[in-house]
Amino acid sequence: MARLQVLRLPATPADPAPFMLVLDEVNELELDFTSSEHADVMRGLKDGVGARFVLATTATVDVA
């Protein structure tokens, strides 16, 4: 099952609380990484929560 983590990024005067969403351990059957529809979903997620970036990967990523 995929995990959702938040990685805080360095603050700037223009953006005092930037962050990145990390979706790891994603099953390739759950998310087609080549699909433009899934890219639109990820972009909507990013914009909807105010993240700078969204990283989705099948690998395990430990956010510190």
Protein backbone atom coordinates (compact mmCIF):
# COMPACT_ATOMS: atom_id res chain seq x y z
CA MET A 1 0.00 0.00 0.00
CA ALA A 2 1.32 3.44 -0.91
CA ARG A 3 2.45 5.84 1.78
CA LEU A 4 2.00 9.62 1.83
CA GLN A 5 4.71 11.72 3.46
CA VAL A 6 5.40 15.44 3.69
CA LEU A 7 8.90 16.77 3.15
CA ARG A 8 9.45 20.31 4.35
CA LEU A 9 11.56 22.43 2.03
CA PRO A 10 13.77 25.43 2.91
CA ALA A 11 11.73 28.54 3.57
CA THR A 12 12.06 31.76 1.61
CA PRO A 13 10.59 35.20 2.31
CA ALA A 14 8.08 34.62 -0.51
CA ASP A 15 7.15 31.12 0.72
CA PRO A 16 7.64 30.67 4.48
CA ALA A 17 6.34 27.07 4.63
CA PRO A 18 7.06 25.19 1.37
CA PHE A 19 6.65 21.43 1.24
CA MET A 20 6.71 18.47 -1.12
CA LEU A 21 4.38 15.46 -1.10
CA VAL A 22 6.10 12.08 -1.37
CA LEU A 23 4.01 9.07 -2.43
CA ASP A 24 6.20 6.01 -2.13
CA GLU A 25 5.68 2.26 -2.38
CA VAL A 26 3.13 2.92 -5.13
CA ASN A 27 1.99 -0.24 -6.92
CA GLU A 28 2.43 0.18 -10.67
CA LEU A 29 -1.05 -1.28 -11.12
CA GLU A 30 -2.53 1.54 -8.99
CA LEU A 31 -0.79 4.39 -10.83
CA ASP A 32 0.20 4.42 -14.48
CA PHE A 33 3.31 6.61 -14.51
CA THR A 34 3.01 7.12 -18.29
CA SER A 35 -0.61 8.31 -18.28
CA SER A 36 -1.39 11.97 -18.86
CA GLU A 37 -4.61 11.49 -16.86
CA HIS A 38 -2.61 10.47 -13.79
CA ALA A 39 -0.27 13.42 -14.37
CA ASP A 40 -3.32 15.71 -14.26
CA VAL A 41 -4.46 14.07 -11.01
CA MET A 42 -1.02 14.59 -9.45
CA ARG A 43 -0.95 18.21 -10.65
CA GLY A 44 -4.42 18.76 -9.17
CA LEU A 45 -3.30 17.21 -5.87
CA LYS A 46 -0.20 19.44 -5.82
CA ASP A 47 -2.16 22.58 -6.57
CA GLY A 48 -5.04 21.64 -4.26
CA VAL A 49 -2.89 21.28 -1.15
CA GLY A 50 -0.35 23.97 -2.07
CA ALA A 51 2.69 21.70 -2.43
CA ARG A 52 5.67 22.77 -4.50
CA PHE A 53 6.19 19.26 -5.88
CA VAL A 54 4.74 15.73 -5.81
CA LEU A 55 7.05 12.73 -6.04
CA ALA A 56 5.43 9.36 -6.78
CA THR A 57 7.63 6.28 -6.90
CA THR A 58 7.50 2.51 -6.52
CA ALA A 59 10.61 2.66 -4.31
CA THR A 60 10.64 3.19 -0.57
CA VAL A 61 11.66 6.72 0.40
CA ASP A 62 12.25 7.70 4.03
CA VAL A 63 11.61 11.38 4.55
CA ALA A 64 13.62 12.80 7.40
